[in-house]
């Protein structure tokens, strides 16, 4: 009897010790989580992460894993966020978990994972307009506007009032060169108060592409004004559009300002000076036109027509020596090009 009683007492004591250990562990885990939560309230991310990691060493739990992942998101550590969330089984992932994975992969520019998680989320939550907008933004920026407009149009058929969605759709249509449709979308955005640089610049280009030059000029002028006339792209486009409208003085002013602002690639500088030369020529400023065509030869020496145009302009302003020089260079360039073209033709013929 005494032996039986002694055995039961031992078992009871062991159970009590075990339960005490579990209770202490739970208290310890709870204390770490509370400490971490308190740090998060005070925006102390690194200390919160420290406490959450201590809690995870005591107990593996999806809620703790999510807290750790959230800390990594707040730190911008997308790789660690992805690795942490991978500890949660697929069928236990919440929408917030999947969104964290999507945005982390987007930040890491992991194309396949972006598309996978985007589509996975939209299959479960087809009206998640934030994910649709983010996916469309990624697709548009990576020259896939056709794919972007497919997912955007599905949402627009459900809700045509979402400005973020409509903005991406307008840009996708512009990239697809459906300029008339893009104009309609951008006009709707302007009516909703999205009357900013991007909207005016792109709608200006769209109008230019369908030969509505006056409307193009108005919107490009507004875009440039928003940027306080310090934006190369809008000034360059304005210079070209003003020239098309016969606003020669304005064209010269815009193109000169564009040249001052930035020194871009040789090809772009060539076109800037080419349009500037044409503007000067149209109002009989032959000296300025000659100087601009001479600049064209510096930026693209292989363009023989620039030498010819420079020779003509120098001749018209009485600078005969320079006219002879550039005419000679034109003949040399044209002869060399003709010789090169003949060699290419002979080479092609020999292959048949």
Protein backbone atom coordinates (compact mmCIF):
# COMPACT_ATOMS: atom_id res chain seq x y z
CA UNK A 1 0.00 0.00 0.00
CA UNK A 2 2.77 2.41 0.99
CA UNK A 3 4.68 1.48 -2.19
CA UNK A 4 1.59 2.19 -4.33
CA UNK A 5 1.04 5.50 -2.57
CA UNK A 6 4.68 6.51 -3.01
CA UNK A 7 4.49 5.76 -6.75
CA UNK A 8 1.38 7.94 -7.17
CA UNK A 9 3.02 10.78 -5.25
CA UNK A 10 6.04 10.65 -7.59
CA UNK A 11 3.80 10.71 -10.65
CA UNK A 12 1.81 13.61 -9.21
CA UNK A 13 4.97 15.58 -8.47
CA UNK A 14 6.30 14.98 -12.00
CA UNK A 15 3.02 16.19 -13.49
CA UNK A 16 3.11 19.29 -11.34
CA UNK A 17 6.69 20.04 -12.40
CA UNK A 18 5.77 19.53 -16.06
CA UNK A 19 2.68 21.73 -15.81
CA UNK A 20 4.71 24.35 -14.00
CA UNK A 21 7.29 24.29 -16.80
CA UNK A 22 4.59 24.65 -19.48
CA UNK A 23 2.96 27.47 -17.56
CA UNK A 24 6.28 29.27 -17.19
CA UNK A 25 6.92 28.80 -20.92
CA UNK A 26 3.50 30.24 -21.79
CA UNK A 27 4.09 33.17 -19.45
CA UNK A 28 7.53 33.70 -20.99
CA UNK A 29 6.14 33.60 -24.56
CA UNK A 30 3.29 35.91 -23.63
CA UNK A 31 5.72 38.34 -21.98
CA UNK A 32 7.94 38.46 -25.08
CA UNK A 33 4.93 39.06 -27.34
CA UNK A 34 3.63 41.83 -25.07
CA UNK A 35 7.05 43.45 -24.98
CA UNK A 36 7.25 43.26 -28.78
CA UNK A 37 3.76 44.72 -29.19
CA UNK A 38 4.67 47.56 -26.85
CA UNK A 39 7.76 48.33 -28.93
CA UNK A 40 5.68 48.34 -32.12
CA UNK A 41 3.31 50.91 -30.57
CA UNK A 42 6.37 53.11 -30.03
CA UNK A 43 7.71 52.39 -33.56
CA UNK A 44 10.78 50.62 -32.13
CA UNK A 45 10.90 47.95 -34.83
CA UNK A 46 14.31 46.46 -34.09
CA UNK A 47 13.52 45.80 -30.40
CA UNK A 48 10.08 44.44 -31.31
CA UNK A 49 11.73 42.03 -33.75
CA UNK A 50 14.13 40.94 -30.98
CA UNK A 51 11.25 40.09 -28.61
CA UNK A 52 9.19 38.34 -31.28
CA UNK A 53 12.17 36.16 -32.18
CA UNK A 54 12.57 35.23 -28.50
CA UNK A 55 8.90 34.33 -28.40
CA UNK A 56 9.31 32.14 -31.50
CA UNK A 57 12.10 30.23 -29.77
CA UNK A 58 9.67 29.38 -26.98
CA UNK A 59 6.72 28.58 -29.22
CA UNK A 60 6.25 28.22 -32.99
CA UNK A 61 2.98 29.90 -33.87
CA UNK A 62 1.63 31.45 -37.08
CA UNK A 63 0.64 34.63 -35.22
CA UNK A 64 4.24 35.10 -34.03
CA UNK A 65 5.58 34.37 -37.52
CA UNK A 66 3.29 37.09 -38.89
CA UNK A 67 4.55 39.59 -36.33
CA UNK A 68 8.16 38.84 -37.32
CA UNK A 69 7.30 39.15 -41.02
CA UNK A 70 5.61 42.48 -40.36
CA UNK A 71 8.78 43.77 -38.71
CA UNK A 72 10.80 42.80 -41.78
CA UNK A 73 8.29 44.61 -44.00
CA UNK A 74 8.64 47.74 -41.86
CA UNK A 75 12.43 47.46 -42.21
CA UNK A 76 12.27 46.97 -45.97
CA UNK A 77 13.89 43.53 -45.66
CA UNK A 78 11.78 41.81 -48.31
CA UNK A 79 13.95 38.68 -48.57
CA UNK A 80 13.60 37.97 -44.83
CA UNK A 81 9.86 38.65 -45.03
CA UNK A 82 9.46 36.04 -47.78
CA UNK A 83 11.58 33.50 -45.91
CA UNK A 84 9.61 34.03 -42.71
CA UNK A 85 6.17 33.72 -44.31
CA UNK A 86 7.28 30.51 -46.06
CA UNK A 87 7.10 28.89 -42.59
CA UNK A 88 3.30 29.20 -42.69
CA UNK A 89 1.55 26.35 -44.57
CA UNK A 90 -0.03 27.43 -47.86
CA UNK A 91 -3.57 26.63 -46.70
CA UNK A 92 -3.07 28.77 -43.58
CA UNK A 93 -1.94 31.94 -45.37
CA UNK A 94 -4.24 34.90 -44.81
CA UNK A 95 -4.97 37.56 -47.42
CA UNK A 96 -2.61 39.88 -45.56
CA UNK A 97 0.14 37.22 -45.73
CA UNK A 98 -0.33 36.83 -49.46
CA UNK A 99 -0.30 40.59 -49.97
CA UNK A 100 2.97 40.84 -48.06
CA UNK A 101 4.44 38.15 -50.32
CA UNK A 102 3.17 39.93 -53.45
CA UNK A 103 4.55 43.34 -52.47
CA UNK A 104 7.84 41.84 -51.26
CA UNK A 105 8.36 40.06 -54.57
CA UNK A 106 7.38 43.28 -56.41
CA UNK A 107 10.05 45.18 -54.49
CA UNK A 108 12.54 42.43 -55.36
CA UNK A 109 11.43 42.55 -59.03
CA UNK A 110 10.82 38.79 -59.13
CA UNK A 111 8.58 38.61 -62.20
CA UNK A 112 7.34 35.02 -61.95
CA UNK A 113 6.53 35.34 -58.24
CA UNK A 114 4.79 38.70 -58.76
CA UNK A 115 2.52 37.24 -61.43
CA UNK A 116 1.93 34.04 -59.44
CA UNK A 117 0.91 35.74 -56.19
CA UNK A 118 -1.01 38.48 -57.99
CA UNK A 119 -3.12 35.96 -59.88
CA UNK A 120 -3.47 33.75 -56.79
CA UNK A 121 -4.85 36.66 -54.75
CA UNK A 122 -7.18 37.80 -57.54
CA UNK A 123 -8.57 34.28 -57.97
CA UNK A 124 -9.65 34.43 -54.33
CA UNK A 125 -10.40 38.15 -54.12
CA UNK A 126 -11.24 39.35 -57.67
CA UNK A 127 -12.19 42.86 -56.48
CA UNK A 128 -8.94 43.62 -54.65
CA UNK A 129 -8.35 46.89 -56.52
CA UNK A 130 -5.03 47.58 -54.78
CA UNK A 131 -3.50 44.35 -56.06
CA UNK A 132 -5.00 44.95 -59.53
CA UNK A 133 -3.48 48.45 -59.59
CA UNK A 134 -0.08 47.17 -58.44
CA UNK A 135 -0.05 44.32 -60.96
CA UNK A 136 -1.07 46.67 -63.78
CA UNK A 137 1.62 49.15 -62.75
CA UNK A 138 4.23 46.37 -62.91
CA UNK A 139 2.99 45.15 -66.30
CA UNK A 140 2.86 48.65 -67.78
CA UNK A 141 6.36 49.45 -66.57
CA UNK A 142 7.61 46.21 -68.13
CA UNK A 143 6.05 46.84 -71.56
CA UNK A 144 3.13 44.46 -71.18
CA UNK A 145 0.16 46.88 -71.45
CA UNK A 146 -2.00 44.27 -73.20
CA UNK A 147 -1.81 42.05 -70.12
CA UNK A 148 -2.39 45.04 -67.84
CA UNK A 149 -5.53 46.18 -69.65
CA UNK A 150 -7.04 42.67 -69.43
CA UNK A 151 -7.06 42.62 -65.65
CA UNK A 152 -7.96 46.32 -65.45
CA UNK A 153 -10.95 46.03 -67.77
CA UNK A 154 -12.41 43.20 -65.68
CA UNK A 155 -12.49 45.50 -62.67
CA UNK A 156 -13.72 48.52 -64.68
CA UNK A 157 -16.69 46.44 -65.83
CA UNK A 158 -17.52 45.99 -62.13
CA UNK A 159 -16.58 49.51 -60.93
CA UNK A 160 -15.69 52.33 -63.35
CA UNK A 161 -15.13 54.95 -60.64
CA UNK A 162 -11.79 53.83 -59.18
CA UNK A 163 -9.23 56.53 -60.05
CA UNK A 164 -6.17 54.33 -59.43
CA UNK A 165 -7.53 51.67 -61.79
CA UNK A 166 -8.53 54.22 -64.45
CA UNK A 167 -5.11 55.86 -64.28
CA UNK A 168 -3.35 52.58 -65.04
CA UNK A 169 -5.87 51.80 -67.80
CA UNK A 170 -5.28 55.19 -69.44
CA UNK A 171 -1.52 54.62 -69.37
CA UNK A 172 -1.91 51.08 -70.76
CA UNK A 173 -4.01 52.41 -73.66
CA UNK A 174 -1.36 55.07 -74.35
CA UNK A 175 1.38 52.42 -74.42
CA UNK A 176 -0.76 50.34 -76.79
CA UNK A 177 -1.00 53.43 -79.05
CA UNK A 178 -4.80 53.51 -78.72
CA UNK A 179 -4.55 57.28 -78.43
CA UNK A 180 -8.24 58.16 -78.79
CA UNK A 181 -9.28 55.76 -76.03
CA UNK A 182 -6.40 56.98 -73.84
CA UNK A 183 -7.52 60.60 -74.34
CA UNK A 184 -11.03 59.75 -73.14
CA UNK A 185 -9.66 58.09 -70.00
CA UNK A 186 -7.29 60.99 -69.26
CA UNK A 187 -10.10 63.54 -69.77
CA UNK A 188 -12.13 61.65 -67.16
CA UNK A 189 -9.16 61.79 -64.78
CA UNK A 190 -8.81 65.56 -65.32
CA UNK A 191 -12.53 65.94 -64.53
CA UNK A 192 -11.85 64.06 -61.27
CA UNK A 193 -9.10 66.52 -60.32
CA UNK A 194 -6.09 64.52 -61.57
CA UNK A 195 -4.90 67.56 -63.52
CA UNK A 196 -1.18 67.04 -62.92
CA UNK A 197 2.03 66.94 -64.97
CA UNK A 198 1.78 63.28 -65.98
CA UNK A 199 -1.83 63.55 -67.15
CA UNK A 200 -1.26 66.69 -69.21
CA UNK A 201 2.03 65.48 -70.68
CA UNK A 202 0.66 62.13 -71.86
CA UNK A 203 -2.66 63.51 -73.14
CA UNK A 204 -0.60 66.13 -74.99
CA UNK A 205 1.41 63.41 -76.73
CA UNK A 206 -1.82 61.53 -77.54
CA UNK A 207 -3.37 64.61 -79.17
CA UNK A 208 -0.16 65.15 -81.13
CA UNK A 209 -0.29 61.57 -82.41
CA UNK A 210 -3.81 62.07 -83.82
CA UNK A 211 -2.85 65.46 -85.33
CA UNK A 212 -4.86 67.55 -82.87
CA UNK A 213 -1.87 69.85 -82.61
CA UNK A 214 -3.58 72.80 -80.92
CA UNK A 215 -4.92 70.61 -78.11
CA UNK A 216 -1.53 68.91 -77.84
CA UNK A 217 0.16 72.30 -77.47
CA UNK A 218 -2.28 73.43 -74.73
CA UNK A 219 -1.73 70.32 -72.60
CA UNK A 220 2.04 70.24 -73.13
CA UNK A 221 2.21 73.91 -72.16
CA UNK A 222 0.30 73.14 -68.97
CA UNK A 223 2.61 70.21 -68.20
CA UNK A 224 5.65 72.43 -68.67
CA UNK A 225 4.14 75.16 -66.48
CA UNK A 226 3.50 72.64 -63.69
CA UNK A 227 7.21 71.82 -63.83
CA UNK A 228 8.01 75.57 -63.85
CA UNK A 229 9.42 75.26 -67.39
CA UNK A 230 12.36 73.22 -66.10
CA UNK A 231 11.38 69.85 -67.53
CA UNK A 232 13.32 68.69 -70.57
CA UNK A 233 10.68 66.33 -71.97
CA UNK A 234 7.82 68.82 -72.02
CA UNK A 235 10.02 71.64 -73.37
CA UNK A 236 11.32 69.41 -76.15
CA UNK A 237 7.80 68.34 -77.12
CA UNK A 238 6.58 71.93 -76.90
CA UNK A 239 9.34 73.07 -79.23
CA UNK A 240 8.35 70.50 -81.84
CA UNK A 241 4.61 71.21 -81.50
CA UNK A 242 5.06 74.99 -81.64
CA UNK A 243 7.09 74.56 -84.83
CA UNK A 244 4.26 72.50 -86.37
CA UNK A 245 1.80 75.27 -85.47
CA UNK A 246 4.01 77.95 -86.97
CA UNK A 247 4.74 79.48 -83.55
CA UNK A 248 8.37 79.97 -84.49
CA UNK A 249 9.53 82.33 -81.75
CA UNK A 250 7.96 80.09 -79.09
CA UNK A 251 9.51 77.02 -80.68
CA UNK A 252 12.98 78.59 -80.61
CA UNK A 253 12.51 79.62 -76.97
CA UNK A 254 11.36 76.16 -75.84
CA UNK A 255 14.10 74.31 -77.72
CA UNK A 256 16.82 76.62 -76.38
CA UNK A 257 15.51 76.09 -72.85
CA UNK A 258 15.53 72.31 -73.38
CA UNK A 259 19.16 72.46 -74.51
CA UNK A 260 20.14 74.49 -71.41
CA UNK A 261 18.47 72.12 -68.97
CA UNK A 262 20.07 68.84 -69.91
CA UNK A 263 22.81 67.49 -72.08
CA UNK A 264 21.29 64.20 -73.22
CA UNK A 265 22.42 61.65 -75.78
CA UNK A 266 24.00 62.73 -79.06
CA UNK A 267 20.97 61.53 -81.01
CA UNK A 268 18.58 63.61 -78.94
CA UNK A 269 20.78 66.71 -79.18
CA UNK A 270 20.88 66.17 -82.95
CA UNK A 271 17.08 66.34 -83.17
CA UNK A 272 16.91 69.35 -80.84
CA UNK A 273 19.27 71.33 -83.07
CA UNK A 274 17.57 70.04 -86.22
CA UNK A 275 14.19 71.42 -85.08
CA UNK A 276 15.88 74.61 -83.87
CA UNK A 277 17.52 75.07 -87.28
CA UNK A 278 14.18 74.56 -89.04
CA UNK A 279 12.55 77.15 -86.78
CA UNK A 280 15.27 79.74 -87.48
CA UNK A 281 15.16 79.02 -91.21
CA UNK A 282 11.39 79.56 -91.38
CA UNK A 283 11.81 83.16 -90.17
CA UNK A 284 14.96 83.78 -92.27
CA UNK A 285 17.42 83.69 -89.36
CA UNK A 286 20.05 82.09 -91.60
CA UNK A 287 23.05 82.68 -89.33
CA UNK A 288 21.30 80.96 -86.40
CA UNK A 289 20.05 78.18 -88.70
CA UNK A 290 23.59 77.63 -90.01
CA UNK A 291 24.94 77.40 -86.45
CA UNK A 292 22.24 74.89 -85.47
CA UNK A 293 22.88 72.69 -88.53
CA UNK A 294 26.60 72.82 -87.76
CA UNK A 295 25.77 71.49 -84.28
CA UNK A 296 23.86 68.65 -85.94
CA UNK A 297 27.04 67.57 -87.73
CA UNK A 298 28.88 67.48 -84.40
CA UNK A 299 26.36 65.22 -82.69
CA UNK A 300 25.68 62.88 -85.64
CA UNK A 301 28.66 63.18 -88.03
CA UNK A 302 27.27 60.45 -90.31
CA UNK A 303 24.18 62.47 -91.33
CA UNK A 304 25.30 63.91 -94.68
CA UNK A 305 22.14 66.03 -95.09
CA UNK A 306 23.16 68.18 -92.12
CA UNK A 307 26.35 69.18 -93.95
CA UNK A 308 24.33 70.13 -97.04
CA UNK A 309 21.86 72.17 -94.98
CA UNK A 310 24.69 73.91 -93.13
CA UNK A 311 26.36 74.76 -96.47
CA UNK A 312 23.12 76.26 -97.77
CA UNK A 313 22.57 78.35 -94.63
CA UNK A 314 26.15 79.62 -94.52
CA UNK A 315 25.78 80.58 -98.20
CA UNK A 316 22.56 82.51 -97.50
CA UNK A 317 24.18 84.52 -94.70
CA UNK A 318 27.23 85.35 -96.85
CA UNK A 319 29.77 83.11 -95.12
CA UNK A 320 31.10 81.64 -98.35
CA UNK A 321 34.21 79.95 -96.96
CA UNK A 322 32.18 77.99 -94.44
CA UNK A 323 29.61 77.24 -97.13
CA UNK A 324 32.37 75.74 -99.33
CA UNK A 325 33.78 73.78 -96.39
CA UNK A 326 30.43 72.15 -95.54
CA UNK A 327 29.55 71.53 -99.17
CA UNK A 328 32.86 69.69 -99.58
CA UNK A 329 32.15 67.68 -96.44
CA UNK A 330 28.68 66.88 -97.74
CA UNK A 331 30.11 65.53 -101.03
CA UNK A 332 32.66 63.43 -99.12
CA UNK A 333 30.01 62.00 -96.78
CA UNK A 334 27.52 61.35 -99.60
CA UNK A 335 30.19 59.68 -101.77
CA UNK A 336 31.33 57.50 -98.86
CA UNK A 337 27.72 56.50 -98.12
CA UNK A 338 27.06 55.68 -101.77
CA UNK A 339 30.22 53.58 -101.90
CA UNK A 340 29.21 51.81 -98.71
CA UNK A 341 25.72 51.14 -100.08
CA UNK A 342 27.14 49.71 -103.32
CA UNK A 343 29.47 47.42 -101.37
CA UNK A 344 26.53 46.18 -99.32
CA UNK A 345 24.47 45.50 -102.46
CA UNK A 346 27.34 43.58 -104.04
CA UNK A 347 27.81 41.55 -100.86
CA UNK A 348 24.12 40.67 -100.76
CA UNK A 349 24.08 39.72 -104.44
CA UNK A 350 27.08 37.44 -103.96
CA UNK A 351 25.09 35.47 -101.39
CA UNK A 352 22.47 34.40 -103.97
